């Protein structure tokens, strides 16, 4: 088992969660004001200031907002990301590190699978934020000039609409 990979995965998951918060912070106030979401104070300023009193949402809460407001994310893979992330954060030590009989190959596979999911959705959300910045800055989107992360997002959206 490579402990460096565990640390890298933890940082990747934290970054992914920040990207989700930033994306949701761009939603209009009507969406954020819905009582079922409990994200009224989720603004880019609070997120970037690391104001945990106002941005203390669970990943599940954030993902529920995204699935409700952007149905492309209401899929099994997105649920798998949440389940694996929760297993990693809440029970990884108990299941693997404290277990004398753990299977090193199983741990390596789990870390690899979660990394691939986290990396995929990091690219997707980076694409969303990049597009949002271009929309705000230019007032329009040029498909000819999209970046790699935006292409990843485009392919994801097209693939989940089929």
Protein backbone atom coordinates (compact mmCIF):
# COMPACT_ATOMS: atom_id res chain seq x y z
CA UNK A 1 0.00 0.00 0.00
CA UNK A 2 1.27 3.45 -0.92
CA UNK A 3 0.44 6.00 1.76
CA UNK A 4 1.33 8.85 -0.60
CA UNK A 5 -1.53 7.77 -2.87
CA UNK A 6 -3.91 7.89 0.10
CA UNK A 7 -2.81 11.44 0.87
CA UNK A 8 -3.11 12.53 -2.76
CA UNK A 9 -6.61 11.08 -2.92
CA UNK A 10 -7.66 12.95 0.20
CA UNK A 11 -6.45 16.25 -1.29
CA UNK A 12 -8.17 15.44 -4.62
CA UNK A 13 -11.47 14.80 -2.82
CA UNK A 14 -11.17 18.07 -0.87
CA UNK A 15 -10.50 19.93 -4.11
CA UNK A 16 -13.49 18.25 -5.79
CA UNK A 17 -15.74 19.27 -2.92
CA UNK A 18 -14.53 22.88 -3.21
CA UNK A 19 -15.25 22.84 -6.95
CA UNK A 20 -18.79 21.58 -6.28
CA UNK A 21 -19.34 24.36 -3.75
CA UNK A 22 -18.01 26.96 -6.20
CA UNK A 23 -20.29 25.68 -8.95
CA UNK A 24 -23.33 25.72 -6.68
CA UNK A 25 -22.38 29.21 -5.52
CA UNK A 26 -22.98 30.35 -9.11
CA UNK A 27 -26.60 29.17 -8.99
CA UNK A 28 -29.17 31.93 -8.69
CA UNK A 29 -30.47 32.91 -5.27
CA UNK A 30 -33.88 31.28 -5.90
CA UNK A 31 -32.22 27.88 -6.15
CA UNK A 32 -29.96 28.46 -3.16
CA UNK A 33 -32.89 29.77 -1.13
CA UNK A 34 -34.86 26.51 -1.37
CA UNK A 35 -35.33 25.25 2.18
CA UNK A 36 -34.67 21.64 1.20
CA UNK A 37 -31.08 22.48 0.21
CA UNK A 38 -29.90 24.45 3.27
CA UNK A 39 -27.30 26.29 1.19
CA UNK A 40 -28.57 29.88 1.41
CA UNK A 41 -25.20 31.28 2.49
CA UNK A 42 -23.17 29.24 0.02
CA UNK A 43 -21.41 32.02 -1.86
CA UNK A 44 -18.04 32.07 -3.62
CA UNK A 45 -16.79 34.62 -1.07
CA UNK A 46 -17.67 32.37 1.88
CA UNK A 47 -16.13 29.34 0.20
CA UNK A 48 -12.91 31.09 -0.72
CA UNK A 49 -12.68 32.65 2.76
CA UNK A 50 -13.11 29.12 4.14
CA UNK A 51 -16.00 30.33 6.28
CA UNK A 52 -17.00 26.93 7.61
CA UNK A 53 -19.95 28.29 9.57
CA UNK A 54 -21.65 29.15 6.28
CA UNK A 55 -20.26 26.42 4.02
CA UNK A 56 -20.52 23.33 6.21
CA UNK A 57 -22.53 21.13 3.88
CA UNK A 58 -21.92 17.42 3.52
CA UNK A 59 -20.88 16.08 0.15
CA UNK A 60 -24.23 14.30 0.00
CA UNK A 61 -26.08 17.61 0.42
CA UNK A 62 -24.01 19.20 -2.35
CA UNK A 63 -24.56 16.26 -4.67
CA UNK A 64 -28.32 16.34 -4.00
CA UNK A 65 -28.43 19.98 -5.10
CA UNK A 66 -26.52 19.13 -8.28
CA UNK A 67 -28.69 16.08 -9.04
CA UNK A 68 -31.89 18.07 -8.52
CA UNK A 69 -30.86 21.15 -10.47
CA UNK A 70 -28.77 19.39 -13.12
CA UNK A 71 -30.37 15.99 -13.82
CA UNK A 72 -27.34 14.78 -15.79
CA UNK A 73 -25.75 14.12 -12.40
CA UNK A 74 -28.58 11.90 -11.21
CA UNK A 75 -26.83 8.68 -12.20
CA UNK A 76 -25.24 5.57 -10.69
CA UNK A 77 -21.67 6.72 -11.23
CA UNK A 78 -22.24 9.94 -9.28
CA UNK A 79 -23.78 7.86 -6.47
CA UNK A 80 -20.78 5.52 -6.60
CA UNK A 81 -18.49 8.53 -6.15
CA UNK A 82 -20.37 9.53 -3.00
CA UNK A 83 -20.44 5.99 -1.60
CA UNK A 84 -16.72 5.42 -2.20
CA UNK A 85 -15.79 8.85 -0.91
CA UNK A 86 -17.80 8.26 2.27
CA UNK A 87 -16.21 4.84 2.73
CA UNK A 88 -12.76 6.39 2.28
CA UNK A 89 -13.40 9.27 4.68
CA UNK A 90 -15.45 7.49 7.35
CA UNK A 91 -14.38 3.84 7.43
CA UNK A 92 -11.18 3.35 5.41
CA UNK A 93 -9.00 3.10 8.50
CA UNK A 94 -11.31 0.62 10.20
CA UNK A 95 -11.82 -1.53 7.08
CA UNK A 96 -8.29 -1.56 5.78
CA UNK A 97 -5.57 0.01 7.89
CA UNK A 98 -6.62 -1.43 11.26
CA UNK A 99 -7.50 -4.79 9.78
CA UNK A 100 -4.53 -7.16 10.01
CA UNK A 101 -6.03 -9.34 7.28
CA UNK A 102 -6.61 -6.60 4.70
CA UNK A 103 -5.86 -7.35 1.07
CA UNK A 104 -3.27 -4.94 -0.30
CA UNK A 105 -4.56 -5.48 -3.86
CA UNK A 106 -8.11 -4.63 -2.74
CA UNK A 107 -6.88 -1.40 -1.11
CA UNK A 108 -4.91 -0.45 -4.21
CA UNK A 109 -7.89 -1.14 -6.46
CA UNK A 110 -10.23 0.87 -4.21
CA UNK A 111 -7.84 3.85 -4.18
CA UNK A 112 -7.42 3.66 -7.96
CA UNK A 113 -11.18 3.46 -8.64
CA UNK A 114 -11.97 6.37 -6.32
CA UNK A 115 -9.11 8.42 -7.80
CA UNK A 116 -10.47 7.88 -11.33
CA UNK A 117 -13.98 8.95 -10.29
CA UNK A 118 -12.70 11.98 -8.38
CA UNK A 119 -10.45 12.96 -11.27
CA UNK A 120 -13.27 12.63 -13.80
CA UNK A 121 -15.65 14.82 -11.81
CA UNK A 122 -12.88 17.30 -10.98
CA UNK A 123 -12.43 17.79 -14.72
CA UNK A 124 -16.18 18.08 -15.27
CA UNK A 125 -16.66 20.70 -12.55
CA UNK A 126 -13.56 22.58 -13.64
CA UNK A 127 -15.13 22.68 -17.11
CA UNK A 128 -18.38 24.04 -15.69
CA UNK A 129 -16.60 26.78 -13.78
CA UNK A 130 -14.46 27.64 -16.78
CA UNK A 131 -17.55 27.92 -18.98
CA UNK A 132 -19.33 30.00 -16.35
CA UNK A 133 -16.36 32.37 -16.19
CA UNK A 134 -16.41 32.72 -19.98
CA UNK A 135 -20.15 33.35 -19.95
CA UNK A 136 -19.79 36.02 -17.34
CA UNK A 137 -16.72 37.55 -19.00
CA UNK A 138 -17.76 37.41 -22.65
CA UNK A 139 -21.48 36.97 -22.52
CA UNK A 140 -21.37 33.95 -24.83
CA UNK A 141 -19.71 30.57 -25.38
CA UNK A 142 -17.63 29.75 -28.43
CA UNK A 143 -17.59 25.99 -29.00
CA UNK A 144 -14.51 26.37 -31.20
CA UNK A 145 -12.42 27.66 -28.30
CA UNK A 146 -13.33 25.27 -25.53
CA UNK A 147 -10.63 24.00 -23.22
CA UNK A 148 -9.81 20.39 -22.37
CA UNK A 149 -11.94 20.35 -19.21
CA UNK A 150 -14.84 21.89 -21.13
CA UNK A 151 -14.52 19.15 -23.76
CA UNK A 152 -14.62 16.60 -20.95
CA UNK A 153 -17.79 18.23 -19.63
CA UNK A 154 -19.33 18.35 -23.11
CA UNK A 155 -18.62 14.65 -23.69
CA UNK A 156 -20.07 13.82 -20.28
CA UNK A 157 -23.27 15.76 -20.94
CA UNK A 158 -23.72 14.30 -24.41
CA UNK A 159 -22.99 10.76 -23.17
CA UNK A 160 -25.53 11.01 -20.34
CA UNK A 161 -28.27 12.35 -22.61
CA UNK A 162 -28.18 9.35 -24.94
